[in-house]
Amino acid sequence: MSGLRVFIVLAAVIGPAAAQPPTEATFRSADDTVWEVSIDHRTACETPCALNLLPLQRVVMRARDDGAARLDVGFLDPGRVAITAENTHRARFAVGVSLTAVSSMGVATGIALTSVGWALGKDGMRTAGLITGGSSAAVLATGIVLTVTARAKLRSATPYLAPGGVGVAGRF
C-alpha cells in the first residue's frame, strides 16, 4: 500500500512538470573565463553552449580555472533564456578587503579616542577621535561595497516579442 502512495505522489509532482515545454538555454561568459555548466550535479557543457532543459533540472555554473567562483542559476522558466556569467573582479576584491581591514582599525581607534576624550574632558582628543572614526567609517563602507560588488555575477535575459516591438527581460 505504501508503494502505491509513493507512486501517486510522484505522479502528481512529476506529471505537470513533464507537460511543460522545455527551456532553450544559451550559456555564455562575459569575459574569457570558461564556465562548466552542470545540470543536476553532472557537467553538461562548457561555455559557450546551448542546452534544452526540463523544468525540474537545477543548473549550476563553475569557473573552470577558479574553483571558488560558483553561480547557482537554479531552475529556469520554460522558453528561451540567455545566461551570461561574469567572473570575480580580483583587483576590486583585493582593494575592498584591504580597505575594510585598514579602515576597521581606524574606526576602533576613533571610538577609543572619542570615549577617552569625553571621559577626561579633553576636547582635542575627542575631536581627533570623531575625525578619525568618521573618515574611517566612510572608507570602511567603500571597502565593503567594493568587496561585495567584486563577486561573480549572473545575468539572464529572456527575449520576447510584443505587439509594440521586441525586447529583453531578465535580471541584470
Foldseek 3Di string as FASTA:
>chain_A
DVVVVVVVVCCVVVVVQVPAAWEWEFEAEPDPFKKFKDWQNHGDDIPGDIDTGGQQIWIKIAGPVDRVAIDGPGGDDHYYKYKYKYAFDVVLQVQLVVLQVVLVVQLVCLVVQLVVCVVVVPPVSNVVSVVSNVVSVVSNVVSVVSNVVRHMDMWMWHWDADPVGIDIDTHD
